[in-house]
Amino acid sequence: MSHVLSWLHVTGVAVSLGTGLFLVFVFFPALKIIEDRQQRMKLLAAAIQYFHPIFLLGICTVFMTGAIRLTDLKIDFGQLYYSSLGHVLLWKFGLTTLIFLIAGGQCFGMGLKLQRMANGVIEGTIERQERLANAIKKMATYNLIALAVTIYFGLKLLPIVYGQH
């Protein structure tokens, strides 16, 4: 079971990191080709309708598989669990909370508002839509940084978890 969880965990990391990287470093720069500002916002709104759920699926998969794996680790490590893993896990827990807070603002706050504005469901000037788009890009960038640091701490756990304890 732990091999399946590990595989799902790494897959979730790849999905969340991949969608974030693509959105920030490929999609947003490619939008600059479109000169019509309204059309650019409509395309962004259509794209994040798919990117955001995929990103959220990735981070939720990482969270759930990590939480399930922690139960096994508590059993394996016994009384040494907190002294062996506590410091690194504390960082991972804090960063995971940060990732979810940023993702919530990005996907459910700004992303949904931009989608509704770009599609004429709610009122919003093109300037307001562009500010939301810039904020979404900024939040996605912050999340990429938080994901990278979380991955770093996850890699620090590997020798502890799979080594001698």
Protein backbone atom coordinates (compact mmCIF):
# COMPACT_ATOMS: atom_id res chain seq x y z
CA MET A 1 0.00 0.00 0.00
CA SER A 2 2.80 2.45 0.79
CA HIS A 3 4.16 2.11 -2.76
CA VAL A 4 0.79 3.09 -4.19
CA LEU A 5 0.55 6.03 -1.78
CA SER A 6 4.09 7.12 -2.64
CA TRP A 7 3.31 6.92 -6.35
CA LEU A 8 0.09 8.90 -5.91
CA HIS A 9 1.92 11.44 -3.75
CA VAL A 10 4.59 12.04 -6.40
CA THR A 11 1.91 12.14 -9.11
CA GLY A 12 0.02 14.80 -7.16
CA VAL A 13 3.21 16.82 -6.81
CA ALA A 14 3.85 16.53 -10.56
CA VAL A 15 0.28 17.56 -11.41
CA SER A 16 0.17 20.56 -9.09
CA LEU A 17 3.69 21.71 -9.90
CA GLY A 18 3.21 21.09 -13.63
CA THR A 19 -0.04 23.01 -13.91
CA GLY A 20 1.40 25.88 -11.88
CA LEU A 21 4.57 26.05 -13.96
CA PHE A 22 2.62 25.88 -17.20
CA LEU A 23 0.19 28.59 -16.13
CA VAL A 24 2.89 31.02 -14.96
CA PHE A 25 5.70 30.38 -17.44
CA VAL A 26 3.87 29.28 -20.59
CA PHE A 27 0.23 30.32 -20.64
CA PHE A 28 0.46 33.84 -19.21
CA PRO A 29 3.36 34.80 -21.52
CA ALA A 30 1.50 33.29 -24.49
CA LEU A 31 -1.53 35.46 -23.73
CA LYS A 32 0.51 38.54 -24.65
CA ILE A 33 0.19 37.55 -28.31
CA ILE A 34 -3.52 38.37 -28.22
CA GLU A 35 -3.88 42.11 -28.72
CA ASP A 36 -7.59 42.41 -27.92
CA ARG A 37 -7.69 42.80 -24.13
CA GLN A 38 -11.26 41.50 -23.82
CA GLN A 39 -10.46 38.41 -25.87
CA ARG A 40 -7.32 37.83 -23.77
CA MET A 41 -9.40 37.85 -20.56
CA LYS A 42 -12.02 35.52 -22.07
CA LEU A 43 -9.29 33.05 -23.06
CA LEU A 44 -7.69 33.25 -19.61
CA ALA A 45 -11.08 32.71 -17.97
CA ALA A 46 -11.73 29.69 -20.17
CA ALA A 47 -8.30 28.26 -19.41
CA ILE A 48 -8.38 28.65 -15.63
CA GLN A 49 -11.74 26.92 -15.64
CA TYR A 50 -9.68 23.77 -16.33
CA PHE A 51 -6.28 24.65 -14.84
CA HIS A 52 -7.55 25.51 -11.39
CA PRO A 53 -9.44 22.23 -10.76
CA ILE A 54 -6.47 20.22 -12.02
CA PHE A 55 -4.12 22.18 -9.77
CA LEU A 56 -6.45 21.69 -6.80
CA LEU A 57 -6.73 17.97 -7.56
CA GLY A 58 -2.94 17.75 -7.46
CA ILE A 59 -2.51 19.51 -4.12
CA CYS A 60 -5.44 17.62 -2.57
CA THR A 61 -3.94 14.31 -3.72
CA VAL A 62 -0.60 15.26 -2.17
CA PHE A 63 -2.31 16.28 1.07
CA MET A 64 -4.44 13.15 1.40
CA THR A 65 -1.72 10.67 0.48
CA GLY A 66 0.69 12.43 2.83
CA ALA A 67 -1.82 12.31 5.67
CA ILE A 68 -2.50 8.62 5.12
CA ARG A 69 1.22 7.87 4.94
CA LEU A 70 1.77 9.71 8.24
CA THR A 71 -0.43 7.19 10.01
CA ASP A 72 1.83 4.38 8.81
CA LEU A 73 4.91 6.34 9.85
CA LYS A 74 3.53 6.89 13.36
CA ILE A 75 3.18 3.13 13.70
CA ASP A 76 6.63 2.41 12.20
CA PHE A 77 8.51 4.99 14.27
CA GLY A 78 6.61 4.58 17.52
CA GLN A 79 8.01 6.85 20.22
CA LEU A 80 10.71 8.15 17.86
CA TYR A 81 8.13 9.65 15.49
CA TYR A 82 8.22 13.22 16.79
CA SER A 83 11.94 13.32 17.52
CA SER A 84 12.80 11.86 14.10
CA LEU A 85 10.27 13.60 11.86
CA GLY A 86 8.75 16.42 13.89
CA HIS A 87 10.95 19.34 12.79
CA VAL A 88 10.65 18.63 9.07
CA LEU A 89 6.96 17.78 9.28
CA LEU A 90 6.26 21.03 11.08
CA TRP A 91 7.65 22.92 8.09
CA LYS A 92 5.66 20.77 5.67
CA PHE A 93 2.43 21.30 7.62
CA GLY A 94 2.94 25.05 7.75
CA LEU A 95 3.78 25.28 4.06
CA THR A 96 0.85 23.03 3.14
CA THR A 97 -1.48 25.37 5.02
CA LEU A 98 0.02 28.32 3.16
CA ILE A 99 -0.39 26.53 -0.19
CA PHE A 100 -4.07 25.84 0.49
CA LEU A 101 -4.72 29.42 1.61
CA ILE A 102 -3.07 30.85 -1.50
CA ALA A 103 -4.80 28.32 -3.76
CA GLY A 104 -8.17 29.15 -2.23
CA GLY A 105 -7.72 32.84 -2.93
CA GLN A 106 -6.38 32.19 -6.40
CA CYS A 107 -8.91 29.60 -7.53
CA PHE A 108 -12.09 30.35 -5.60
CA GLY A 109 -11.69 34.04 -4.98
CA MET A 110 -9.98 35.71 -7.90
CA GLY A 111 -10.34 32.96 -10.49
CA LEU A 112 -14.10 32.60 -10.23
CA LYS A 113 -14.58 36.36 -10.15
CA LEU A 114 -12.47 36.77 -13.30
CA GLN A 115 -14.42 34.02 -15.05
CA ARG A 116 -17.75 35.69 -14.23
CA MET A 117 -16.52 39.13 -15.29
CA ALA A 118 -14.95 37.91 -18.55
CA ASN A 119 -18.16 36.08 -19.46
CA GLY A 120 -20.43 39.01 -18.60
CA VAL A 121 -22.14 37.31 -15.66
CA ILE A 122 -21.11 40.09 -13.30
CA GLU A 123 -19.97 43.60 -14.07
CA GLY A 124 -16.27 44.31 -14.22
CA THR A 125 -14.15 46.63 -16.30
CA ILE A 126 -11.34 45.30 -18.44
CA GLU A 127 -8.89 47.04 -16.11
CA ARG A 128 -10.38 45.20 -13.13
CA GLN A 129 -10.15 41.90 -15.02
CA GLU A 130 -6.50 42.56 -15.87
CA ARG A 131 -5.75 43.35 -12.21
CA LEU A 132 -7.37 40.04 -11.24
CA ALA A 133 -5.34 38.24 -13.92
CA ASN A 134 -2.12 39.77 -12.59
CA ALA A 135 -3.09 38.81 -9.04
CA ILE A 136 -3.82 35.24 -10.16
CA LYS A 137 -0.39 35.06 -11.79
CA LYS A 138 1.24 36.46 -8.65
CA MET A 139 -0.61 33.99 -6.40
CA ALA A 140 0.32 31.09 -8.70
CA THR A 141 3.96 32.21 -8.51
CA TYR A 142 3.82 32.36 -4.70
CA ASN A 143 2.34 28.89 -4.68
CA LEU A 144 5.11 27.59 -6.92
CA ILE A 145 7.66 28.93 -4.46
CA ALA A 146 5.82 27.37 -1.52
CA LEU A 147 5.53 24.08 -3.43
CA ALA A 148 9.26 24.10 -4.19
CA VAL A 149 10.16 24.68 -0.54
CA THR A 150 7.70 21.97 0.53
CA ILE A 151 9.29 19.56 -1.94
CA TYR A 152 12.69 20.42 -0.47
CA PHE A 153 11.47 19.46 3.01
CA GLY A 154 9.83 16.35 1.59
CA LEU A 155 13.14 15.30 0.09
CA LYS A 156 14.78 15.84 3.49
CA LEU A 157 12.34 13.24 4.87
CA LEU A 158 13.33 10.53 2.38
CA PRO A 159 16.53 9.34 4.10
CA ILE A 160 14.76 9.37 7.47
CA VAL A 161 11.68 7.51 6.30
CA TYR A 162 13.37 4.99 4.04
CA GLY A 163 16.67 4.76 5.89
CA GLN A 164 17.51 3.37 9.26
CA HIS A 165 15.46 4.60 12.16
